[in-house]
């Protein structure tokens, strides 16, 4: 039995029957957007923030959504309800739709909406207890003036190539630099580090996705009275950090133990633990669930 529950344009289908046209521009050119929502206690977590980002991605591609927000919320809820048990990873993909074999998208009239649900990722306990291993990728993050990383699109080849480097080194994630050599983000995570009691994370202008979890962590730091800086940081600053952690929808707050062969000083560090515990409370706060 497949671990995937799938819907296409609101209709559930078996995995073997989950088909779209080869002329869909999402398939042909990566001309699509997506969002992933997780459940907490069976409810959608931070779905309003994910919807806002979905709209931002769509508008950036001049591809305004063709369904109401409530329709997309219902699709996420239906996917979770269709699964047998446990918490869910819920992905909605919206493609430009079918059109001619051409980069010109103006004849793509009807978007396709694909929903995929699976059990929520379970990352190794070891990664949280002693820190995961990451690498600094050689491949650079797409420039904002090229394929803007702020758009959560289906064009993820840049991230795939970086993760390929991570896997070759036996690492769980790859942190990417921009073309100027500054830290941006990991392939599916945002990056934070601590130096002399100050929490630091790359500014959005450096070319990275505005992570939903990232936003919560910034608020958590403020609530805890911690100084948190969004700025421009080099690889040397990251390698010399006291603590490093990555954040994401399925990872929550994951400490980093090694960057390549370089061991991080404190893993997990005291501030990382404090932030992770506070974020756990955010996850389970009913006001953040829908």
Protein backbone atom coordinates (compact mmCIF):
# COMPACT_ATOMS: atom_id res chain seq x y z
CA UNK A 1 0.00 0.00 0.00
CA UNK A 2 1.35 3.42 -0.99
CA UNK A 3 2.28 5.94 1.70
CA UNK A 4 0.98 8.70 -0.58
CA UNK A 5 -2.52 10.11 -0.73
CA UNK A 6 -3.05 12.08 -3.93
CA UNK A 7 -5.65 14.40 -5.38
CA UNK A 8 -5.78 16.20 -8.72
CA UNK A 9 -8.02 19.25 -8.98
CA UNK A 10 -9.85 18.19 -5.85
CA UNK A 11 -10.49 14.58 -6.86
CA UNK A 12 -8.72 11.71 -5.11
CA UNK A 13 -6.86 9.29 -7.37
CA UNK A 14 -4.72 6.21 -6.88
CA UNK A 15 -1.00 6.79 -7.30
CA UNK A 16 -0.93 4.70 -10.51
CA UNK A 17 -3.67 6.92 -11.96
CA UNK A 18 -2.21 10.27 -10.87
CA UNK A 19 -1.49 11.78 -14.27
CA UNK A 20 -1.25 15.21 -15.84
CA UNK A 21 -0.55 16.12 -19.45
CA UNK A 22 3.04 16.12 -20.67
CA UNK A 23 2.17 19.54 -22.13
CA UNK A 24 1.55 21.03 -18.69
CA UNK A 25 4.05 23.86 -18.30
CA UNK A 26 4.74 22.78 -14.73
CA UNK A 27 6.22 19.57 -16.16
CA UNK A 28 7.81 21.14 -19.22
CA UNK A 29 9.45 24.15 -17.59
CA UNK A 30 9.07 23.92 -13.83
CA UNK A 31 6.45 26.65 -14.20
CA UNK A 32 4.65 25.89 -10.96
CA UNK A 33 4.52 26.83 -7.31
CA UNK A 34 3.91 24.85 -4.15
CA UNK A 35 3.54 24.94 -0.39
CA UNK A 36 3.90 22.32 2.32
CA UNK A 37 1.78 22.39 5.46
CA UNK A 38 2.16 20.02 8.38
CA UNK A 39 -0.44 18.97 10.90
CA UNK A 40 -0.16 19.26 14.67
CA UNK A 41 -2.74 17.33 16.67
CA UNK A 42 -4.52 16.71 13.37
CA UNK A 43 -4.89 20.43 12.60
CA UNK A 44 -3.18 22.51 9.90
CA UNK A 45 -0.26 24.43 11.39
CA UNK A 46 0.29 28.03 10.25
CA UNK A 47 -1.76 27.44 7.09
CA UNK A 48 -2.58 31.16 6.88
CA UNK A 49 1.13 32.00 6.58
CA UNK A 50 1.64 29.32 3.95
CA UNK A 51 -1.31 30.64 1.96
CA UNK A 52 0.11 34.16 2.09
CA UNK A 53 3.41 32.88 0.71
CA UNK A 54 1.57 30.86 -1.94
CA UNK A 55 -0.11 34.07 -3.13
CA UNK A 56 3.24 35.89 -3.14
CA UNK A 57 4.79 33.15 -5.28
CA UNK A 58 1.81 33.13 -7.65
CA UNK A 59 1.77 36.89 -8.07
CA UNK A 60 5.52 36.98 -8.67
CA UNK A 61 4.99 34.64 -11.63
CA UNK A 62 1.91 36.58 -12.84
CA UNK A 63 -0.07 33.43 -12.11
CA UNK A 64 -2.87 34.54 -9.73
CA UNK A 65 -4.57 31.66 -7.97
CA UNK A 66 -7.81 30.50 -9.58
CA UNK A 67 -9.43 29.12 -6.41
CA UNK A 68 -10.36 30.71 -3.10
CA UNK A 69 -8.21 30.41 0.00
CA UNK A 70 -10.86 28.26 1.64
CA UNK A 71 -10.74 25.86 -1.32
CA UNK A 72 -7.01 25.29 -0.81
CA UNK A 73 -7.49 24.92 2.96
CA UNK A 74 -10.16 22.32 2.29
CA UNK A 75 -7.81 20.41 -0.02
CA UNK A 76 -5.16 20.24 2.74
CA UNK A 77 -7.78 19.14 5.26
CA UNK A 78 -9.23 16.54 2.89
CA UNK A 79 -5.79 15.08 2.22
CA UNK A 80 -5.11 14.72 5.93
CA UNK A 81 -8.56 13.24 6.62
CA UNK A 82 -8.09 10.68 3.84
CA UNK A 83 -4.92 9.33 5.46
CA UNK A 84 -5.30 6.50 7.94
CA UNK A 85 -3.60 7.95 11.01
CA UNK A 86 -0.81 10.07 12.44
CA UNK A 87 0.39 13.55 11.56
CA UNK A 88 0.65 14.55 7.90
CA UNK A 89 2.99 16.24 5.48
CA UNK A 90 0.67 18.01 3.01
CA UNK A 91 1.87 19.44 -0.29
CA UNK A 92 -0.17 21.51 -2.74
CA UNK A 93 1.34 22.06 -6.20
CA UNK A 94 -0.21 24.54 -8.61
CA UNK A 95 0.98 24.35 -12.22
CA UNK A 96 0.57 26.91 -14.97
CA UNK A 97 -1.49 24.34 -16.87
CA UNK A 98 -1.52 22.86 -20.35
CA UNK A 99 -0.25 24.99 -23.22
CA UNK A 100 1.77 24.82 -26.42
CA UNK A 101 5.34 23.53 -26.41
CA UNK A 102 6.71 27.02 -25.96
CA UNK A 103 7.98 29.23 -23.14
CA UNK A 104 5.06 31.55 -23.88
CA UNK A 105 2.57 30.82 -21.10
CA UNK A 106 -0.22 33.14 -22.25
CA UNK A 107 -2.25 30.26 -23.72
CA UNK A 108 -2.22 28.27 -20.46
CA UNK A 109 -5.73 28.95 -19.21
CA UNK A 110 -6.52 26.41 -16.48
CA UNK A 111 -4.16 25.70 -13.62
CA UNK A 112 -3.76 22.16 -12.32
CA UNK A 113 -3.79 21.65 -8.55
CA UNK A 114 -2.07 18.53 -7.27
CA UNK A 115 -2.29 17.51 -3.65
CA UNK A 116 0.07 14.95 -2.06
CA UNK A 117 -0.04 13.74 1.53
CA UNK A 118 2.31 11.40 3.34
CA UNK A 119 3.24 10.69 6.97
CA UNK A 120 5.07 13.61 8.56
CA UNK A 121 8.84 13.20 8.21
CA UNK A 122 10.61 11.60 11.18
CA UNK A 123 14.17 12.85 11.30
CA UNK A 124 16.76 10.81 13.23
CA UNK A 125 16.79 11.41 17.00
CA UNK A 126 20.58 11.49 16.74
CA UNK A 127 20.38 14.69 14.68
CA UNK A 128 18.59 16.46 17.52
CA UNK A 129 20.58 14.92 20.36
CA UNK A 130 24.06 15.52 18.91
CA UNK A 131 23.53 17.72 15.87
CA UNK A 132 23.25 16.90 12.19
CA UNK A 133 26.02 17.17 9.62
CA UNK A 134 25.78 19.75 6.85
CA UNK A 135 28.14 20.90 4.11
CA UNK A 136 28.84 24.24 2.48
CA UNK A 137 27.87 23.57 -1.12
CA UNK A 138 30.05 24.55 -4.06
CA UNK A 139 26.96 25.25 -6.17
CA UNK A 140 25.76 28.80 -5.54
CA UNK A 141 22.22 29.87 -4.73
CA UNK A 142 20.25 31.35 -7.60
CA UNK A 143 20.56 35.12 -7.70
CA UNK A 144 17.47 37.18 -6.92
CA UNK A 145 17.84 38.72 -10.37
CA UNK A 146 17.62 35.22 -11.95
CA UNK A 147 15.17 32.70 -10.45
CA UNK A 148 14.36 34.50 -7.21
CA UNK A 149 14.61 32.05 -4.27
CA UNK A 150 11.79 34.02 -2.61
CA UNK A 151 9.44 32.30 -5.09
CA UNK A 152 8.63 28.77 -3.93
CA UNK A 153 8.50 27.36 -7.42
CA UNK A 154 8.72 23.88 -8.87
CA UNK A 155 12.10 24.77 -10.36
CA UNK A 156 14.37 23.22 -7.71
CA UNK A 157 17.34 22.01 -9.74
CA UNK A 158 19.66 24.42 -7.90
CA UNK A 159 18.67 22.80 -4.60
CA UNK A 160 18.89 19.29 -6.04
CA UNK A 161 22.49 19.89 -7.11
CA UNK A 162 23.40 21.25 -3.67
CA UNK A 163 21.77 18.31 -1.89
CA UNK A 164 23.70 15.97 -4.20
CA UNK A 165 26.87 17.41 -2.66
CA UNK A 166 25.49 16.84 0.83
CA UNK A 167 24.63 13.21 0.15
CA UNK A 168 28.07 12.57 -1.34
CA UNK A 169 29.56 13.77 1.95
CA UNK A 170 27.14 11.79 4.12
CA UNK A 171 25.43 15.00 5.28
CA UNK A 172 21.76 15.73 5.85
CA UNK A 173 21.76 19.23 4.35
CA UNK A 174 23.75 21.64 2.18
CA UNK A 175 24.09 25.32 3.02
CA UNK A 176 24.40 27.53 -0.05
CA UNK A 177 26.24 30.79 -0.57
CA UNK A 178 25.08 33.45 -3.00
CA UNK A 179 27.25 34.67 -5.87
CA UNK A 180 28.82 37.25 -3.54
CA UNK A 181 29.94 34.45 -1.21
CA UNK A 182 27.48 35.22 1.59
CA UNK A 183 25.41 32.65 3.50
CA UNK A 184 21.84 32.29 2.25
CA UNK A 185 19.97 29.11 3.22
CA UNK A 186 20.06 25.32 3.00
CA UNK A 187 18.21 23.33 0.33
CA UNK A 188 14.99 23.00 2.35
CA UNK A 189 15.88 24.86 5.55
CA UNK A 190 16.78 28.28 6.86
CA UNK A 191 20.05 28.81 8.71
CA UNK A 192 20.66 30.40 12.13
CA UNK A 193 23.80 30.65 14.21
CA UNK A 194 24.79 32.03 17.59
CA UNK A 195 27.91 34.04 18.38
CA UNK A 196 28.60 35.56 21.80
CA UNK A 197 24.95 35.24 22.79
CA UNK A 198 23.57 36.92 19.63
CA UNK A 199 21.34 34.92 17.28
CA UNK A 200 22.06 35.62 13.61
CA UNK A 201 20.39 34.67 10.33
CA UNK A 202 20.86 35.81 6.72
CA UNK A 203 18.71 38.74 5.61
CA UNK A 204 16.09 38.07 2.94
CA UNK A 205 17.89 40.44 0.54
CA UNK A 206 20.74 37.92 0.36
CA UNK A 207 18.51 35.63 -1.72
CA UNK A 208 16.53 33.10 0.28
CA UNK A 209 13.03 31.88 0.88
CA UNK A 210 11.15 33.61 3.69
CA UNK A 211 10.62 30.45 5.71
CA UNK A 212 7.45 30.18 7.77
CA UNK A 213 9.38 28.52 10.59
CA UNK A 214 12.06 31.21 10.23
CA UNK A 215 9.43 33.85 10.93
CA UNK A 216 8.28 32.07 14.07
CA UNK A 217 11.88 31.73 15.29
CA UNK A 218 12.47 35.46 14.89
CA UNK A 219 9.39 36.09 17.03
CA UNK A 220 10.45 33.45 19.55
CA UNK A 221 13.84 35.16 19.96
CA UNK A 222 12.10 38.48 20.55
CA UNK A 223 9.75 36.95 23.13
CA UNK A 224 12.72 35.36 24.91
CA UNK A 225 14.54 38.68 25.03
CA UNK A 226 17.32 37.44 22.76
CA UNK A 227 19.13 39.73 20.35
CA UNK A 228 18.57 38.46 16.82
CA UNK A 229 20.23 40.02 13.79
CA UNK A 230 19.28 39.60 10.14
CA UNK A 231 22.33 40.48 8.10
CA UNK A 232 25.13 39.62 5.70
CA UNK A 233 27.35 36.78 6.89
CA UNK A 234 30.35 34.94 5.47
CA UNK A 235 31.26 31.27 5.58
CA UNK A 236 34.01 32.06 8.11
CA UNK A 237 31.50 33.66 10.47
CA UNK A 238 29.34 30.56 10.23
CA UNK A 239 32.28 28.19 10.78
CA UNK A 240 33.36 30.19 13.84
CA UNK A 241 29.89 30.23 15.41
CA UNK A 242 29.26 28.98 18.93
CA UNK A 243 26.02 27.27 17.87
CA UNK A 244 24.35 26.57 14.51
CA UNK A 245 20.86 25.29 13.79
CA UNK A 246 18.57 24.89 10.79
CA UNK A 247 14.81 25.33 10.71
CA UNK A 248 11.96 24.13 8.55
CA UNK A 249 8.36 22.94 8.46
CA UNK A 250 9.25 19.31 9.11
CA UNK A 251 12.58 19.76 10.94
CA UNK A 252 11.43 22.38 13.47
CA UNK A 253 14.73 23.42 15.11
CA UNK A 254 17.59 21.02 14.30
CA UNK A 255 21.05 21.65 15.78
CA UNK A 256 24.10 21.35 13.53
CA UNK A 257 27.06 19.39 14.85
CA UNK A 258 29.40 19.51 11.86
CA UNK A 259 29.84 21.72 8.82
CA UNK A 260 31.90 19.49 6.60
CA UNK A 261 34.77 18.37 8.85
CA UNK A 262 34.48 21.39 11.13
CA UNK A 263 32.87 20.66 14.49
CA UNK A 264 30.57 23.30 15.92
CA UNK A 265 31.63 24.41 19.40
CA UNK A 266 28.37 23.67 21.27
CA UNK A 267 25.95 21.05 19.94
CA UNK A 268 23.23 21.45 20.82
CA UNK A 269 23.98 24.80 22.41
CA UNK A 270 22.04 26.24 25.32
CA UNK A 271 20.33 28.92 23.21
CA UNK A 272 19.45 26.39 20.52
CA UNK A 273 17.75 24.25 23.16
CA UNK A 274 15.96 27.27 24.63
CA UNK A 275 14.70 28.35 21.21
CA UNK A 276 13.66 24.80 20.27
CA UNK A 277 11.64 24.43 23.46
CA UNK A 278 9.92 27.76 22.92
CA UNK A 279 9.12 26.84 19.32
CA UNK A 280 7.59 23.57 20.55
CA UNK A 281 5.13 25.69 22.53
CA UNK A 282 4.35 27.71 19.39
CA UNK A 283 3.65 24.49 17.45
CA UNK A 284 1.15 23.33 20.03
CA UNK A 285 -0.56 26.68 20.57
CA UNK A 286 -4.15 26.27 19.30
CA UNK A 287 -4.15 29.81 17.88
CA UNK A 288 -1.62 28.65 15.25
CA UNK A 289 -3.75 25.68 14.18
CA UNK A 290 -6.63 25.66 11.71
